[in-house]
PDB file of all heavy atoms in Angstrom:
ATOM      1  N   GLY A   1      27.489 -46.742  50.856  1.00  0.00           N
ATOM      2  CA  GLY A   1      27.940 -45.400  50.487  1.00  0.00           C
ATOM      3  C   GLY A   1      27.496 -44.908  49.157  1.00  0.00           C
ATOM      4  O   GLY A   1      27.903 -43.782  48.772  1.00  0.00           O
ATOM      5  N   VAL A   2      26.667 -45.661  48.450  1.00  0.00           N
ATOM      6  CA  VAL A   2      26.134 -45.221  47.164  1.00  0.00           C
ATOM      7  C   VAL A   2      24.637 -44.999  47.255  1.00  0.00           C
ATOM      8  O   VAL A   2      23.897 -45.969  47.549  1.00  0.00           O
ATOM      9  CB  VAL A   2      26.438 -46.271  46.050  1.00  0.00           C
ATOM     10  CG1 VAL A   2      25.906 -45.753  44.715  1.00  0.00           C
ATOM     11  CG2 VAL A   2      27.924 -46.559  45.980  1.00  0.00           C
ATOM     12  N   PRO A   3      24.167 -43.780  47.071  1.00  0.00           N
ATOM     13  CA  PRO A   3      22.729 -43.548  47.156  1.00  0.00           C
ATOM     14  C   PRO A   3      21.945 -44.416  46.213  1.00  0.00           C
ATOM     15  O   PRO A   3      22.411 -44.657  45.023  1.00  0.00           O
ATOM     16  CB  PRO A   3      22.609 -42.038  46.791  1.00  0.00           C
ATOM     17  CG  PRO A   3      23.929 -41.472  47.136  1.00  0.00           C
ATOM     18  CD  PRO A   3      24.924 -42.549  46.837  1.00  0.00           C
ATOM     19  N   ALA A   4      20.791 -44.909  46.593  1.00  0.00           N
ATOM     20  CA  ALA A   4      20.027 -45.841  45.786  1.00  0.00           C
ATOM     21  C   ALA A   4      19.682 -45.237  44.410  1.00  0.00           C
ATOM     22  O   ALA A   4      19.684 -45.933  43.376  1.00  0.00           O
ATOM     23  CB  ALA A   4      18.741 -46.227  46.507  1.00  0.00           C
ATOM     24  N   ASP A   5      19.393 -43.926  44.384  1.00  0.00           N
ATOM     25  CA  ASP A   5      18.993 -43.321  43.102  1.00  0.00           C
ATOM     26  C   ASP A   5      20.151 -43.188  42.100  1.00  0.00           C
ATOM     27  O   ASP A   5      19.936 -42.950  40.945  1.00  0.00           O
ATOM     28  CB  ASP A   5      18.361 -41.947  43.358  1.00  0.00           C
ATOM     29  CG  ASP A   5      19.283 -40.985  44.128  1.00  0.00           C
ATOM     30  OD1 ASP A   5      20.275 -41.453  44.674  1.00  0.00           O
ATOM     31  OD2 ASP A   5      18.978 -39.789  44.140  1.00  0.00           O
ATOM     32  N   LEU A   6      21.378 -43.386  42.611  1.00  0.00           N
ATOM     33  CA  LEU A   6      22.553 -43.348  41.694  1.00  0.00           C
ATOM     34  C   LEU A   6      22.859 -44.695  41.034  1.00  0.00           C
ATOM     35  O   LEU A   6      23.475 -44.754  40.033  1.00  0.00           O
ATOM     36  CB  LEU A   6      23.789 -42.868  42.420  1.00  0.00           C
ATOM     37  CG  LEU A   6      24.113 -41.368  42.388  1.00  0.00           C
ATOM     38  CD1 LEU A   6      25.381 -41.111  43.136  1.00  0.00           C
ATOM     39  CD2 LEU A   6      24.207 -40.842  40.988  1.00  0.00           C
ATOM     40  N   LEU A   7      22.419 -45.752  41.695  1.00  0.00           N
ATOM     41  CA  LEU A   7      22.776 -47.114  41.237  1.00  0.00           C
ATOM     42  C   LEU A   7      22.284 -47.371  39.811  1.00  0.00           C
ATOM     43  O   LEU A   7      22.874 -48.159  39.110  1.00  0.00           O
ATOM     44  CB  LEU A   7      22.206 -48.174  42.197  1.00  0.00           C
ATOM     45  CG  LEU A   7      22.913 -48.240  43.558  1.00  0.00           C
ATOM     46  CD1 LEU A   7      22.225 -49.229  44.456  1.00  0.00           C
ATOM     47  CD2 LEU A   7      24.382 -48.575  43.412  1.00  0.00           C
ATOM     48  N   ALA A   8      21.197 -46.708  39.438  1.00  0.00           N
ATOM     49  CA  ALA A   8      20.690 -46.917  38.085  1.00  0.00           C
ATOM     50  C   ALA A   8      21.363 -46.084  37.006  1.00  0.00           C
ATOM     51  O   ALA A   8      21.084 -46.244  35.837  1.00  0.00           O
ATOM     52  CB  ALA A   8      19.162 -46.639  38.078  1.00  0.00           C
ATOM     53  N   HIS A   9      22.252 -45.263  37.437  1.00  0.00           N
ATOM     54  CA  HIS A   9      22.922 -44.350  36.498  1.00  0.00           C
ATOM     55  C   HIS A   9      24.405 -44.691  36.421  1.00  0.00           C
ATOM     56  O   HIS A   9      25.256 -43.986  37.039  1.00  0.00           O
ATOM     57  CB  HIS A   9      22.708 -42.892  36.922  1.00  0.00           C
ATOM     58  CG  HIS A   9      21.257 -42.461  36.969  1.00  0.00           C
ATOM     59  ND1 HIS A   9      20.554 -42.130  35.850  1.00  0.00           N
ATOM     60  CD2 HIS A   9      20.422 -42.379  38.028  1.00  0.00           C
ATOM     61  CE1 HIS A   9      19.329 -41.823  36.191  1.00  0.00           C
ATOM     62  NE2 HIS A   9      19.220 -41.990  37.496  1.00  0.00           N
ATOM     63  N   ARG A  10      24.723 -45.712  35.712  1.00  0.00           N
ATOM     64  CA  ARG A  10      26.093 -46.193  35.639  1.00  0.00           C
ATOM     65  C   ARG A  10      27.053 -45.182  35.018  1.00  0.00           C
ATOM     66  O   ARG A  10      28.213 -45.111  35.399  1.00  0.00           O
ATOM     67  CB  ARG A  10      26.144 -47.523  34.859  1.00  0.00           C
ATOM     68  CG  ARG A  10      25.245 -48.630  35.364  1.00  0.00           C
ATOM     69  CD  ARG A  10      25.728 -49.193  36.665  1.00  0.00           C
ATOM     70  NE  ARG A  10      26.975 -49.959  36.557  1.00  0.00           N
ATOM     71  CZ  ARG A  10      27.409 -50.769  37.471  1.00  0.00           C
ATOM     72  NH1 ARG A  10      26.778 -50.924  38.631  1.00  0.00           N
ATOM     73  NH2 ARG A  10      28.553 -51.398  37.308  1.00  0.00           N
ATOM     74  N   GLU A  11      26.523 -44.381  34.056  1.00  0.00           N
ATOM     75  CA  GLU A  11      27.397 -43.409  33.402  1.00  0.00           C
ATOM     76  C   GLU A  11      27.825 -42.343  34.476  1.00  0.00           C
ATOM     77  O   GLU A  11      28.972 -41.936  34.451  1.00  0.00           O
ATOM     78  CB  GLU A  11      26.677 -42.730  32.248  1.00  0.00           C
ATOM     79  CG  GLU A  11      26.339 -43.683  31.116  1.00  0.00           C
ATOM     80  CD  GLU A  11      25.007 -44.456  31.348  1.00  0.00           C
ATOM     81  OE1 GLU A  11      24.385 -44.197  32.421  1.00  0.00           O
ATOM     82  OE2 GLU A  11      24.622 -45.218  30.509  1.00  0.00           O
ATOM     83  N   MET A  12      26.878 -41.895  35.277  1.00  0.00           N
ATOM     84  CA  MET A  12      27.232 -40.946  36.283  1.00  0.00           C
ATOM     85  C   MET A  12      28.202 -41.497  37.304  1.00  0.00           C
ATOM     86  O   MET A  12      29.144 -40.837  37.706  1.00  0.00           O
ATOM     87  CB  MET A  12      25.914 -40.464  36.974  1.00  0.00           C
ATOM     88  CG  MET A  12      26.161 -39.464  38.121  1.00  0.00           C
ATOM     89  SD  MET A  12      26.892 -37.918  37.573  1.00  0.00           S
ATOM     90  CE  MET A  12      25.452 -37.188  36.714  1.00  0.00           C
ATOM     91  N   LEU A  13      27.917 -42.750  37.708  1.00  0.00           N
ATOM     92  CA  LEU A  13      28.806 -43.402  38.690  1.00  0.00           C
ATOM     93  C   LEU A  13      30.239 -43.490  38.120  1.00  0.00           C
ATOM     94  O   LEU A  13      31.228 -43.312  38.869  1.00  0.00           O
ATOM     95  CB  LEU A  13      28.274 -44.776  39.044  1.00  0.00           C
ATOM     96  CG  LEU A  13      27.062 -44.783  39.987  1.00  0.00           C
ATOM     97  CD1 LEU A  13      26.480 -46.179  40.081  1.00  0.00           C
ATOM     98  CD2 LEU A  13      27.460 -44.283  41.356  1.00  0.00           C
ATOM     99  N   ALA A  14      30.367 -43.805  36.833  1.00  0.00           N
ATOM    100  CA  ALA A  14      31.679 -43.928  36.269  1.00  0.00           C
ATOM    101  C   ALA A  14      32.467 -42.625  36.341  1.00  0.00           C
ATOM    102  O   ALA A  14      33.693 -42.604  36.486  1.00  0.00           O
ATOM    103  CB  ALA A  14      31.570 -44.349  34.780  1.00  0.00           C
ATOM    104  N   LEU A  15      31.762 -41.473  36.276  1.00  0.00           N
ATOM    105  CA  LEU A  15      32.408 -40.185  36.384  1.00  0.00           C
ATOM    106  C   LEU A  15      32.895 -39.905  37.810  1.00  0.00           C
ATOM    107  O   LEU A  15      33.856 -39.132  38.023  1.00  0.00           O
ATOM    108  CB  LEU A  15      31.461 -39.080  35.940  1.00  0.00           C
ATOM    109  CG  LEU A  15      31.039 -39.080  34.484  1.00  0.00           C
ATOM    110  CD1 LEU A  15      29.982 -37.982  34.244  1.00  0.00           C
ATOM    111  CD2 LEU A  15      32.262 -38.831  33.565  1.00  0.00           C
ATOM    112  N   LEU A  16      32.224 -40.515  38.809  1.00  0.00           N
ATOM    113  CA  LEU A  16      32.583 -40.270  40.197  1.00  0.00           C
ATOM    114  C   LEU A  16      33.638 -41.189  40.750  1.00  0.00           C
ATOM    115  O   LEU A  16      34.294 -40.885  41.733  1.00  0.00           O
ATOM    116  CB  LEU A  16      31.301 -40.454  41.065  1.00  0.00           C
ATOM    117  CG  LEU A  16      30.103 -39.542  40.741  1.00  0.00           C
ATOM    118  CD1 LEU A  16      28.911 -39.906  41.618  1.00  0.00           C
ATOM    119  CD2 LEU A  16      30.491 -38.098  40.907  1.00  0.00           C
ATOM    120  N   LEU A  17      33.879 -42.317  40.045  1.00  0.00           N
ATOM    121  CA  LEU A  17      34.829 -43.304  40.541  1.00  0.00           C
ATOM    122  C   LEU A  17      36.257 -42.825  40.666  1.00  0.00           C
ATOM    123  O   LEU A  17      36.963 -43.180  41.615  1.00  0.00           O
ATOM    124  CB  LEU A  17      34.759 -44.561  39.701  1.00  0.00           C
ATOM    125  CG  LEU A  17      33.550 -45.470  39.960  1.00  0.00           C
ATOM    126  CD1 LEU A  17      33.550 -46.674  39.036  1.00  0.00           C
ATOM    127  CD2 LEU A  17      33.483 -45.915  41.394  1.00  0.00           C
ATOM    128  N   PRO A  18      36.765 -41.980  39.731  1.00  0.00           N
ATOM    129  CA  PRO A  18      38.137 -41.524  39.856  1.00  0.00           C
ATOM    130  C   PRO A  18      38.385 -40.752  41.193  1.00  0.00           C
ATOM    131  O   PRO A  18      39.388 -40.917  41.803  1.00  0.00           O
ATOM    132  CB  PRO A  18      38.345 -40.629  38.669  1.00  0.00           C
ATOM    133  CG  PRO A  18      37.411 -41.147  37.631  1.00  0.00           C
ATOM    134  CD  PRO A  18      36.211 -41.587  38.402  1.00  0.00           C
ATOM    135  N   THR A  19      37.386 -39.938  41.569  1.00  0.00           N
ATOM    136  CA  THR A  19      37.560 -39.206  42.865  1.00  0.00           C
ATOM    137  C   THR A  19      37.501 -40.151  44.033  1.00  0.00           C
ATOM    138  O   THR A  19      38.290 -40.044  45.003  1.00  0.00           O
ATOM    139  CB  THR A  19      36.438 -38.139  42.958  1.00  0.00           C
ATOM    140  OG1 THR A  19      36.689 -37.143  41.985  1.00  0.00           O
ATOM    141  CG2 THR A  19      36.458 -37.504  44.347  1.00  0.00           C
ATOM    142  N   LEU A  20      36.566 -41.126  43.956  1.00  0.00           N
ATOM    143  CA  LEU A  20      36.477 -42.095  45.063  1.00  0.00           C
ATOM    144  C   LEU A  20      37.816 -42.854  45.153  1.00  0.00           C
ATOM    145  O   LEU A  20      38.342 -43.077  46.274  1.00  0.00           O
ATOM    146  CB  LEU A  20      35.331 -43.060  44.781  1.00  0.00           C
ATOM    147  CG  LEU A  20      35.269 -44.281  45.716  1.00  0.00           C
ATOM    148  CD1 LEU A  20      35.053 -43.865  47.171  1.00  0.00           C
ATOM    149  CD2 LEU A  20      34.125 -45.208  45.281  1.00  0.00           C
ATOM    150  N   ARG A  21      38.378 -43.268  44.021  1.00  0.00           N
ATOM    151  CA  ARG A  21      39.626 -43.993  44.007  1.00  0.00           C
ATOM    152  C   ARG A  21      40.769 -43.178  44.606  1.00  0.00           C
ATOM    153  O   ARG A  21      41.608 -43.667  45.392  1.00  0.00           O
ATOM    154  CB  ARG A  21      39.967 -44.474  42.610  1.00  0.00           C
ATOM    155  CG  ARG A  21      41.062 -45.517  42.512  1.00  0.00           C
ATOM    156  CD  ARG A  21      41.357 -45.913  41.099  1.00  0.00           C
ATOM    157  NE  ARG A  21      40.203 -46.403  40.397  1.00  0.00           N
ATOM    158  CZ  ARG A  21      39.732 -47.632  40.530  1.00  0.00           C
ATOM    159  NH1 ARG A  21      40.362 -48.507  41.305  1.00  0.00           N
ATOM    160  NH2 ARG A  21      38.659 -48.042  39.857  1.00  0.00           N
ATOM    161  N   ALA A  22      40.800 -41.894  44.238  1.00  0.00           N
ATOM    162  CA  ALA A  22      41.822 -41.006  44.764  1.00  0.00           C
ATOM    163  C   ALA A  22      41.730 -40.864  46.292  1.00  0.00           C
ATOM    164  O   ALA A  22      42.677 -40.903  47.003  1.00  0.00           O
ATOM    165  CB  ALA A  22      41.751 -39.628  44.091  1.00  0.00           C
ATOM    166  N   ASP A  23      40.466 -40.691  46.776  1.00  0.00           N
ATOM    167  CA  ASP A  23      40.262 -40.548  48.232  1.00  0.00           C
ATOM    168  C   ASP A  23      40.677 -41.794  48.971  1.00  0.00           C
ATOM    169  O   ASP A  23      41.314 -41.728  50.058  1.00  0.00           O
ATOM    170  CB  ASP A  23      38.765 -40.283  48.510  1.00  0.00           C
ATOM    171  CG  ASP A  23      38.361 -38.913  48.083  1.00  0.00           C
ATOM    172  OD1 ASP A  23      39.221 -38.095  47.717  1.00  0.00           O
ATOM    173  OD2 ASP A  23      37.116 -38.625  48.135  1.00  0.00           O
ATOM    174  N   LEU A  24      40.370 -42.974  48.415  1.00  0.00           N
ATOM    175  CA  LEU A  24      40.774 -44.209  49.079  1.00  0.00           C
ATOM    176  C   LEU A  24      42.281 -44.393  49.020  1.00  0.00           C
ATOM    177  O   LEU A  24      42.869 -45.022  49.914  1.00  0.00           O
ATOM    178  CB  LEU A  24      40.060 -45.391  48.422  1.00  0.00           C
ATOM    179  CG  LEU A  24      38.524 -45.423  48.606  1.00  0.00           C
ATOM    180  CD1 LEU A  24      37.897 -46.507  47.807  1.00  0.00           C
ATOM    181  CD2 LEU A  24      38.205 -45.591  50.138  1.00  0.00           C
ATOM    182  N   THR A  25      42.930 -43.829  48.040  1.00  0.00           N
ATOM    183  CA  THR A  25      44.379 -43.804  47.977  1.00  0.00           C
ATOM    184  C   THR A  25      44.935 -42.970  49.110  1.00  0.00           C
ATOM    185  O   THR A  25      45.981 -43.319  49.728  1.00  0.00           O
ATOM    186  CB  THR A  25      44.895 -43.288  46.630  1.00  0.00           C
ATOM    187  OG1 THR A  25      44.344 -44.111  45.569  1.00  0.00           O
ATOM    188  CG2 THR A  25      46.399 -43.308  46.540  1.00  0.00           C
ATOM    189  N   VAL A  26      44.277 -41.850  49.390  1.00  0.00           N
ATOM    190  CA  VAL A  26      44.692 -41.044  50.577  1.00  0.00           C
ATOM    191  C   VAL A  26      44.739 -41.819  51.820  1.00  0.00           C
ATOM    192  O   VAL A  26      45.670 -41.852  52.591  1.00  0.00           O
ATOM    193  CB  VAL A  26      43.711 -39.846  50.738  1.00  0.00           C
ATOM    194  CG1 VAL A  26      43.962 -39.138  52.081  1.00  0.00           C
ATOM    195  CG2 VAL A  26      43.887 -38.844  49.600  1.00  0.00           C
ATOM    196  N   CYS A  27      43.632 -42.639  52.040  1.00  0.00           N
ATOM    197  CA  CYS A  27      43.562 -43.453  53.263  1.00  0.00           C
ATOM    198  C   CYS A  27      44.630 -44.547  53.263  1.00  0.00           C
ATOM    199  O   CYS A  27      45.235 -44.818  54.318  1.00  0.00           O
ATOM    200  CB  CYS A  27      42.153 -44.129  53.311  1.00  0.00           C
ATOM    201  SG  CYS A  27      40.803 -42.937  53.451  1.00  0.00           S
ATOM    202  N   ALA A  28      44.865 -45.177  52.119  1.00  0.00           N
ATOM    203  CA  ALA A  28      45.845 -46.272  52.047  1.00  0.00           C
ATOM    204  C   ALA A  28      47.263 -45.766  52.269  1.00  0.00           C
ATOM    205  O   ALA A  28      48.098 -46.445  52.800  1.00  0.00           O
ATOM    206  CB  ALA A  28      45.710 -46.986  50.723  1.00  0.00           C
ATOM    207  N   ARG A  29      47.534 -44.545  51.823  1.00  0.00           N
ATOM    208  CA  ARG A  29      48.892 -43.976  51.925  1.00  0.00           C
ATOM    209  C   ARG A  29      49.133 -43.210  53.241  1.00  0.00           C
ATOM    210  O   ARG A  29      50.245 -42.836  53.517  1.00  0.00           O
ATOM    211  CB  ARG A  29      49.097 -42.999  50.761  1.00  0.00           C
ATOM    212  CG  ARG A  29      49.257 -43.654  49.387  1.00  0.00           C
ATOM    213  CD  ARG A  29      49.502 -42.598  48.337  1.00  0.00           C
ATOM    214  NE  ARG A  29      49.762 -43.196  47.016  1.00  0.00           N
ATOM    215  CZ  ARG A  29      49.928 -42.482  45.895  1.00  0.00           C
ATOM    216  NH1 ARG A  29      49.854 -41.140  45.962  1.00  0.00           N
ATOM    217  NH2 ARG A  29      50.180 -43.105  44.781  1.00  0.00           N
ATOM    218  N   TYR A  30      48.056 -43.057  53.988  1.00  0.00           N
ATOM    219  CA  TYR A  30      48.189 -42.259  55.215  1.00  0.00           C
ATOM    220  C   TYR A  30      49.217 -42.921  56.148  1.00  0.00           C
ATOM    221  O   TYR A  30      49.050 -44.073  56.503  1.00  0.00           O
ATOM    222  CB  TYR A  30      46.861 -42.133  55.925  1.00  0.00           C
ATOM    223  CG  TYR A  30      46.844 -41.081  57.014  1.00  0.00           C
ATOM    224  CD1 TYR A  30      46.495 -39.780  56.717  1.00  0.00           C
ATOM    225  CD2 TYR A  30      47.193 -41.387  58.323  1.00  0.00           C
ATOM    226  CE1 TYR A  30      46.506 -38.787  57.703  1.00  0.00           C
ATOM    227  CE2 TYR A  30      47.209 -40.417  59.322  1.00  0.00           C
ATOM    228  CZ  TYR A  30      46.827 -39.132  58.974  1.00  0.00           C
ATOM    229  OH  TYR A  30      46.853 -38.156  59.955  1.00  0.00           O
ATOM    230  N   ARG A  31      50.219 -42.186  56.439  1.00  0.00           N
ATOM    231  CA  ARG A  31      51.287 -42.735  57.277  1.00  0.00           C
ATOM    232  C   ARG A  31      50.887 -42.746  58.756  1.00  0.00           C
ATOM    233  O   ARG A  31      50.464 -41.710  59.276  1.00  0.00           O
ATOM    234  CB  ARG A  31      52.547 -41.905  57.106  1.00  0.00           C
ATOM    235  CG  ARG A  31      53.154 -41.989  55.702  1.00  0.00           C
ATOM    236  CD  ARG A  31      54.432 -41.149  55.580  1.00  0.00           C
ATOM    237  NE  ARG A  31      54.985 -41.296  54.254  1.00  0.00           N
ATOM    238  CZ  ARG A  31      56.114 -40.635  53.901  1.00  0.00           C
ATOM    239  NH1 ARG A  31      56.713 -39.813  54.718  1.00  0.00           N
ATOM    240  NH2 ARG A  31      56.584 -40.751  52.674  1.00  0.00           N
TER     241      ARG A  31
END
C-alpha cells in the first residue's frame, strides 16, 4: 500500500501516518 517512490521520502511518509492510523482506527472500531 505504499508507492515505491514514497519509500525514499521518510519525512513525507511521517506526515501521512496520522491519517493512515486514524483510518485503521475506523476499521478496528467498526461495530
